[in-house]
Amino acid sequence: MCHVLIIEDEPLIAMNIQVMLEDEGATSFDFAVTEAEAVAAALAHTPQLITSDVRLLEGTGPAAVASIHDQLGSIPVIFISGTPQDCEPCNPPALVLAKPVQAHAVGAAFRSLM
């Protein structure tokens, strides 16, 4: 069983990521569209993996992930962003995939981290 937190402010992209990860074996998901929602979701149900956009409706994915890591410890992260250059380097270090993201890239990243 693998619980994933998807931090993404575009609902169709979030659902697409969910399907890609389900195909790889992820079994449950929480979704967040803002930095604050992401931290609250992670604290409510600790994920085994986080996927995150860089730019969010409010705040940023890297800031959300840093806060989650400060409070829960290290959790594997895949940043999926239309602006991957804004995540170079991300802190904490993570895999960075550019949008539009392909299923094989998400699958490979998932397998490498899990």
N, C-alpha and C. Protein backbone atom coordinates (compact mmCIF):
# COMPACT_ATOMS: atom_id res chain seq x y z
N MET A 1 0.85 -1.19 0.00
CA MET A 1 0.00 0.00 0.00
C MET A 1 0.89 1.24 0.00
N CYS A 2 0.59 2.16 -0.87
CA CYS A 2 1.37 3.39 -0.96
C CYS A 2 0.42 4.58 -1.00
N HIS A 3 0.55 5.45 -0.01
CA HIS A 3 -0.27 6.66 0.04
C HIS A 3 0.53 7.82 -0.53
N VAL A 4 -0.08 8.56 -1.46
CA VAL A 4 0.59 9.66 -2.15
C VAL A 4 -0.15 10.97 -1.91
N LEU A 5 0.62 12.02 -1.64
CA LEU A 5 0.09 13.38 -1.59
C LEU A 5 0.43 14.04 -2.92
N ILE A 6 -0.60 14.46 -3.65
CA ILE A 6 -0.42 15.16 -4.92
C ILE A 6 -0.71 16.64 -4.69
N ILE A 7 0.34 17.45 -4.82
CA ILE A 7 0.21 18.90 -4.65
C ILE A 7 0.20 19.49 -6.05
N GLU A 8 -0.98 19.89 -6.49
CA GLU A 8 -1.16 20.35 -7.88
C GLU A 8 -2.42 21.19 -7.95
N ASP A 9 -2.32 22.40 -8.52
CA ASP A 9 -3.48 23.29 -8.57
C ASP A 9 -4.32 23.17 -9.84
N GLU A 10 -3.95 22.29 -10.74
CA GLU A 10 -4.75 22.02 -11.94
C GLU A 10 -5.42 20.65 -11.77
N PRO A 11 -6.75 20.61 -11.57
CA PRO A 11 -7.43 19.34 -11.28
C PRO A 11 -7.21 18.24 -12.32
N LEU A 12 -7.22 18.57 -13.60
CA LEU A 12 -7.03 17.53 -14.62
C LEU A 12 -5.62 16.95 -14.57
N ILE A 13 -4.65 17.79 -14.30
CA ILE A 13 -3.27 17.29 -14.18
C ILE A 13 -3.16 16.40 -12.94
N ALA A 14 -3.77 16.82 -11.84
CA ALA A 14 -3.74 16.02 -10.61
C ALA A 14 -4.37 14.64 -10.84
N MET A 15 -5.49 14.61 -11.54
CA MET A 15 -6.14 13.33 -11.82
C MET A 15 -5.29 12.47 -12.74
N ASN A 16 -4.63 13.09 -13.71
CA ASN A 16 -3.75 12.36 -14.61
C ASN A 16 -2.58 11.75 -13.85
N ILE A 17 -1.99 12.50 -12.95
CA ILE A 17 -0.90 11.98 -12.11
C ILE A 17 -1.40 10.82 -11.27
N GLN A 18 -2.60 10.96 -10.71
CA GLN A 18 -3.18 9.88 -9.90
C GLN A 18 -3.28 8.59 -10.71
N VAL A 19 -3.80 8.67 -11.93
CA VAL A 19 -3.95 7.48 -12.77
C VAL A 19 -2.59 6.86 -13.06
N MET A 20 -1.60 7.70 -13.38
CA MET A 20 -0.26 7.19 -13.65
C MET A 20 0.31 6.45 -12.45
N LEU A 21 0.09 6.99 -11.26
CA LEU A 21 0.63 6.37 -10.05
C LEU A 21 -0.17 5.13 -9.65
N GLU A 22 -1.47 5.13 -9.90
CA GLU A 22 -2.26 3.92 -9.66
C GLU A 22 -1.76 2.78 -10.53
N ASP A 23 -1.40 3.08 -11.76
CA ASP A 23 -0.86 2.06 -12.66
C ASP A 23 0.44 1.47 -12.13
N GLU A 24 1.14 2.23 -11.29
CA GLU A 24 2.40 1.76 -10.70
C GLU A 24 2.21 1.11 -9.33
N GLY A 25 0.98 1.15 -8.80
CA GLY A 25 0.71 0.47 -7.54
C GLY A 25 0.34 1.35 -6.37
N ALA A 26 0.31 2.67 -6.56
CA ALA A 26 -0.14 3.54 -5.47
C ALA A 26 -1.62 3.26 -5.20
N THR A 27 -2.00 3.28 -3.94
CA THR A 27 -3.34 2.83 -3.58
C THR A 27 -4.25 3.90 -2.97
N SER A 28 -3.68 4.97 -2.43
CA SER A 28 -4.53 6.02 -1.86
C SER A 28 -3.87 7.37 -2.08
N PHE A 29 -4.72 8.40 -2.08
CA PHE A 29 -4.25 9.73 -2.47
C PHE A 29 -4.92 10.81 -1.65
N ASP A 30 -4.17 11.87 -1.37
CA ASP A 30 -4.70 13.14 -0.90
C ASP A 30 -4.27 14.18 -1.92
N PHE A 31 -5.06 15.25 -2.04
CA PHE A 31 -4.78 16.30 -3.01
C PHE A 31 -4.76 17.64 -2.29
N ALA A 32 -3.88 18.53 -2.75
CA ALA A 32 -3.81 19.88 -2.21
C ALA A 32 -3.51 20.84 -3.35
N VAL A 33 -4.08 22.05 -3.27
CA VAL A 33 -3.86 23.05 -4.31
C VAL A 33 -3.08 24.26 -3.79
N THR A 34 -2.86 24.34 -2.49
CA THR A 34 -2.08 25.43 -1.90
C THR A 34 -1.03 24.84 -0.96
N GLU A 35 -0.08 25.68 -0.62
CA GLU A 35 0.98 25.28 0.31
C GLU A 35 0.39 24.86 1.66
N ALA A 36 -0.53 25.66 2.19
CA ALA A 36 -1.14 25.35 3.48
C ALA A 36 -1.95 24.06 3.44
N GLU A 37 -2.71 23.85 2.38
CA GLU A 37 -3.48 22.60 2.25
C GLU A 37 -2.56 21.40 2.19
N ALA A 38 -1.43 21.54 1.51
CA ALA A 38 -0.49 20.42 1.39
C ALA A 38 0.07 20.03 2.75
N VAL A 39 0.47 21.00 3.54
CA VAL A 39 1.02 20.70 4.86
C VAL A 39 -0.06 20.07 5.74
N ALA A 40 -1.25 20.61 5.72
CA ALA A 40 -2.35 20.06 6.53
C ALA A 40 -2.68 18.63 6.11
N ALA A 41 -2.71 18.37 4.81
CA ALA A 41 -3.02 17.01 4.32
C ALA A 41 -1.94 16.03 4.76
N ALA A 42 -0.68 16.42 4.67
CA ALA A 42 0.41 15.53 5.07
C ALA A 42 0.38 15.24 6.56
N LEU A 43 0.06 16.24 7.36
CA LEU A 43 -0.01 16.03 8.80
C LEU A 43 -1.20 15.16 9.19
N ALA A 44 -2.28 15.25 8.43
CA ALA A 44 -3.46 14.44 8.70
C ALA A 44 -3.28 12.98 8.31
N HIS A 45 -2.52 12.73 7.22
CA HIS A 45 -2.31 11.37 6.71
C HIS A 45 -0.94 11.34 6.05
N THR A 46 0.05 10.88 6.77
CA THR A 46 1.43 10.91 6.29
C THR A 46 1.58 10.14 4.98
N PRO A 47 2.07 10.82 3.94
CA PRO A 47 2.26 10.12 2.65
C PRO A 47 3.58 9.35 2.62
N GLN A 48 3.62 8.33 1.76
CA GLN A 48 4.87 7.62 1.50
C GLN A 48 5.60 8.26 0.33
N LEU A 49 4.88 9.08 -0.46
CA LEU A 49 5.45 9.77 -1.61
C LEU A 49 4.69 11.08 -1.79
N ILE A 50 5.41 12.11 -2.23
CA ILE A 50 4.79 13.40 -2.56
C ILE A 50 5.11 13.72 -4.01
N THR A 51 4.09 14.13 -4.77
CA THR A 51 4.34 14.76 -6.06
C THR A 51 3.91 16.21 -5.90
N SER A 52 4.65 17.12 -6.50
CA SER A 52 4.32 18.53 -6.30
C SER A 52 4.67 19.37 -7.51
N ASP A 53 3.76 20.27 -7.83
CA ASP A 53 4.05 21.34 -8.77
C ASP A 53 4.95 22.34 -8.03
N VAL A 54 5.57 23.24 -8.76
CA VAL A 54 6.40 24.26 -8.13
C VAL A 54 5.55 25.48 -7.77
N ARG A 55 4.81 25.99 -8.73
CA ARG A 55 3.96 27.16 -8.49
C ARG A 55 2.55 26.68 -8.17
N LEU A 56 1.98 27.23 -7.08
CA LEU A 56 0.65 26.85 -6.64
C LEU A 56 -0.26 28.07 -6.59
N LEU A 57 -1.55 27.85 -6.36
CA LEU A 57 -2.48 28.97 -6.23
C LEU A 57 -2.02 29.92 -5.14
N GLU A 58 -1.56 29.36 -4.02
CA GLU A 58 -1.01 30.14 -2.92
C GLU A 58 0.23 29.41 -2.41
N GLY A 59 1.35 30.09 -2.42
CA GLY A 59 2.58 29.48 -1.96
C GLY A 59 3.26 28.69 -3.06
N THR A 60 4.23 27.88 -2.65
CA THR A 60 4.96 27.06 -3.62
C THR A 60 5.05 25.62 -3.14
N GLY A 61 5.22 24.73 -4.10
CA GLY A 61 5.41 23.33 -3.76
C GLY A 61 6.68 23.08 -2.97
N PRO A 62 7.83 23.64 -3.39
CA PRO A 62 9.04 23.42 -2.61
C PRO A 62 8.92 23.89 -1.16
N ALA A 63 8.25 25.01 -0.92
CA ALA A 63 8.06 25.48 0.46
C ALA A 63 7.17 24.51 1.24
N ALA A 64 6.12 24.01 0.59
CA ALA A 64 5.24 23.03 1.25
C ALA A 64 6.02 21.77 1.61
N VAL A 65 6.80 21.27 0.66
CA VAL A 65 7.58 20.05 0.90
C VAL A 65 8.59 20.27 2.01
N ALA A 66 9.26 21.42 2.01
CA ALA A 66 10.23 21.71 3.07
C ALA A 66 9.56 21.71 4.44
N SER A 67 8.38 22.30 4.53
CA SER A 67 7.65 22.32 5.80
C SER A 67 7.22 20.92 6.21
N ILE A 68 6.76 20.13 5.25
CA ILE A 68 6.37 18.74 5.55
C ILE A 68 7.58 17.97 6.04
N HIS A 69 8.71 18.11 5.39
CA HIS A 69 9.92 17.41 5.81
C HIS A 69 10.38 17.86 7.18
N ASP A 70 10.26 19.15 7.49
CA ASP A 70 10.64 19.65 8.81
C ASP A 70 9.81 19.01 9.91
N GLN A 71 8.53 18.75 9.60
CA GLN A 71 7.62 18.23 10.62
C GLN A 71 7.53 16.70 10.65
N LEU A 72 7.74 16.04 9.50
CA LEU A 72 7.53 14.59 9.43
C LEU A 72 8.79 13.80 9.07
N GLY A 73 9.85 14.48 8.72
CA GLY A 73 11.05 13.78 8.28
C GLY A 73 11.03 13.61 6.77
N SER A 74 12.04 12.95 6.28
CA SER A 74 12.22 12.81 4.84
C SER A 74 11.17 11.89 4.22
N ILE A 75 10.54 12.38 3.16
CA ILE A 75 9.58 11.63 2.36
C ILE A 75 10.00 11.83 0.91
N PRO A 76 10.05 10.76 0.10
CA PRO A 76 10.44 10.92 -1.30
C PRO A 76 9.52 11.90 -2.05
N VAL A 77 10.13 12.68 -2.96
CA VAL A 77 9.40 13.73 -3.68
C VAL A 77 9.71 13.67 -5.17
N ILE A 78 8.65 13.85 -5.96
CA ILE A 78 8.79 14.07 -7.40
C ILE A 78 8.14 15.43 -7.69
N PHE A 79 8.95 16.39 -8.14
CA PHE A 79 8.39 17.67 -8.58
C PHE A 79 8.02 17.52 -10.04
N ILE A 80 6.78 17.91 -10.38
CA ILE A 80 6.27 17.87 -11.75
C ILE A 80 5.82 19.29 -12.07
N SER A 81 6.56 19.96 -12.95
CA SER A 81 6.33 21.39 -13.12
C SER A 81 6.47 21.84 -14.56
N GLY A 82 5.67 22.84 -14.91
CA GLY A 82 5.83 23.51 -16.19
C GLY A 82 7.01 24.46 -16.17
N THR A 83 7.53 24.73 -14.98
CA THR A 83 8.69 25.61 -14.83
C THR A 83 9.77 24.87 -14.02
N PRO A 84 10.28 23.77 -14.56
CA PRO A 84 11.25 22.98 -13.80
C PRO A 84 12.50 23.77 -13.44
N GLN A 85 12.84 24.79 -14.23
CA GLN A 85 14.00 25.60 -13.92
C GLN A 85 13.84 26.34 -12.59
N ASP A 86 12.60 26.56 -12.16
CA ASP A 86 12.35 27.21 -10.87
C ASP A 86 12.61 26.26 -9.71
N CYS A 87 12.90 25.02 -10.02
CA CYS A 87 13.13 24.01 -8.99
C CYS A 87 14.56 23.47 -9.08
N GLU A 88 15.45 24.26 -9.58
CA GLU A 88 16.85 23.84 -9.72
C GLU A 88 17.73 24.74 -8.89
N PRO A 89 18.27 24.34 -7.79
CA PRO A 89 17.96 23.07 -7.13
C PRO A 89 16.79 23.25 -6.18
N CYS A 90 16.01 22.22 -6.02
CA CYS A 90 14.94 22.24 -5.02
C CYS A 90 15.55 21.80 -3.69
N ASN A 91 15.02 22.31 -2.64
CA ASN A 91 15.45 21.90 -1.32
C ASN A 91 14.23 21.40 -0.59
N PRO A 92 14.11 20.15 -0.27
CA PRO A 92 15.15 19.13 -0.36
C PRO A 92 15.33 18.65 -1.80
N PRO A 93 16.45 18.01 -2.08
CA PRO A 93 16.65 17.47 -3.42
C PRO A 93 15.56 16.46 -3.77
N ALA A 94 15.19 16.45 -5.03
CA ALA A 94 14.11 15.57 -5.47
C ALA A 94 14.25 15.34 -6.96
N LEU A 95 13.49 14.39 -7.46
CA LEU A 95 13.40 14.22 -8.90
C LEU A 95 12.54 15.34 -9.46
N VAL A 96 12.91 15.87 -10.61
CA VAL A 96 12.16 16.95 -11.23
C VAL A 96 11.78 16.53 -12.64
N LEU A 97 10.48 16.52 -12.92
CA LEU A 97 9.97 16.19 -14.25
C LEU A 97 9.28 17.41 -14.84
N ALA A 98 9.44 17.61 -16.13
CA ALA A 98 8.83 18.75 -16.81
C ALA A 98 7.46 18.38 -17.36
N LYS A 99 6.52 19.33 -17.28
CA LYS A 99 5.21 19.17 -17.91
C LYS A 99 5.35 19.54 -19.38
N PRO A 100 4.62 18.92 -20.28
CA PRO A 100 3.67 17.84 -20.01
C PRO A 100 4.44 16.56 -19.67
N VAL A 101 4.02 15.94 -18.60
CA VAL A 101 4.72 14.77 -18.09
C VAL A 101 4.17 13.51 -18.77
N GLN A 102 5.06 12.57 -19.02
CA GLN A 102 4.70 11.31 -19.67
C GLN A 102 4.58 10.20 -18.62
N ALA A 103 3.67 9.28 -18.84
CA ALA A 103 3.44 8.19 -17.89
C ALA A 103 4.70 7.38 -17.63
N HIS A 104 5.49 7.12 -18.67
CA HIS A 104 6.70 6.31 -18.46
C HIS A 104 7.68 7.03 -17.55
N ALA A 105 7.75 8.37 -17.61
CA ALA A 105 8.65 9.13 -16.75
C ALA A 105 8.18 9.10 -15.30
N VAL A 106 6.86 9.25 -15.10
CA VAL A 106 6.31 9.18 -13.74
C VAL A 106 6.51 7.77 -13.17
N GLY A 107 6.26 6.77 -13.99
CA GLY A 107 6.45 5.39 -13.54
C GLY A 107 7.89 5.10 -13.16
N ALA A 108 8.83 5.55 -13.98
CA ALA A 108 10.24 5.33 -13.68
C ALA A 108 10.64 6.04 -12.40
N ALA A 109 10.16 7.28 -12.22
CA ALA A 109 10.47 8.02 -10.99
C ALA A 109 9.88 7.33 -9.77
N PHE A 110 8.64 6.87 -9.89
CA PHE A 110 7.98 6.17 -8.78
C PHE A 110 8.77 4.92 -8.40
N ARG A 111 9.14 4.12 -9.40
CA ARG A 111 9.88 2.89 -9.13
C ARG A 111 11.25 3.17 -8.51
N SER A 112 11.89 4.25 -8.93
CA SER A 112 13.22 4.56 -8.39
C SER A 112 13.16 5.01 -6.93
N LEU A 113 12.03 5.61 -6.54
CA LEU A 113 11.91 6.11 -5.18
C LEU A 113 11.25 5.13 -4.21
N MET A 114 10.46 4.22 -4.74
CA MET A 114 9.72 3.30 -3.86
C MET A 114 10.39 1.96 -3.87
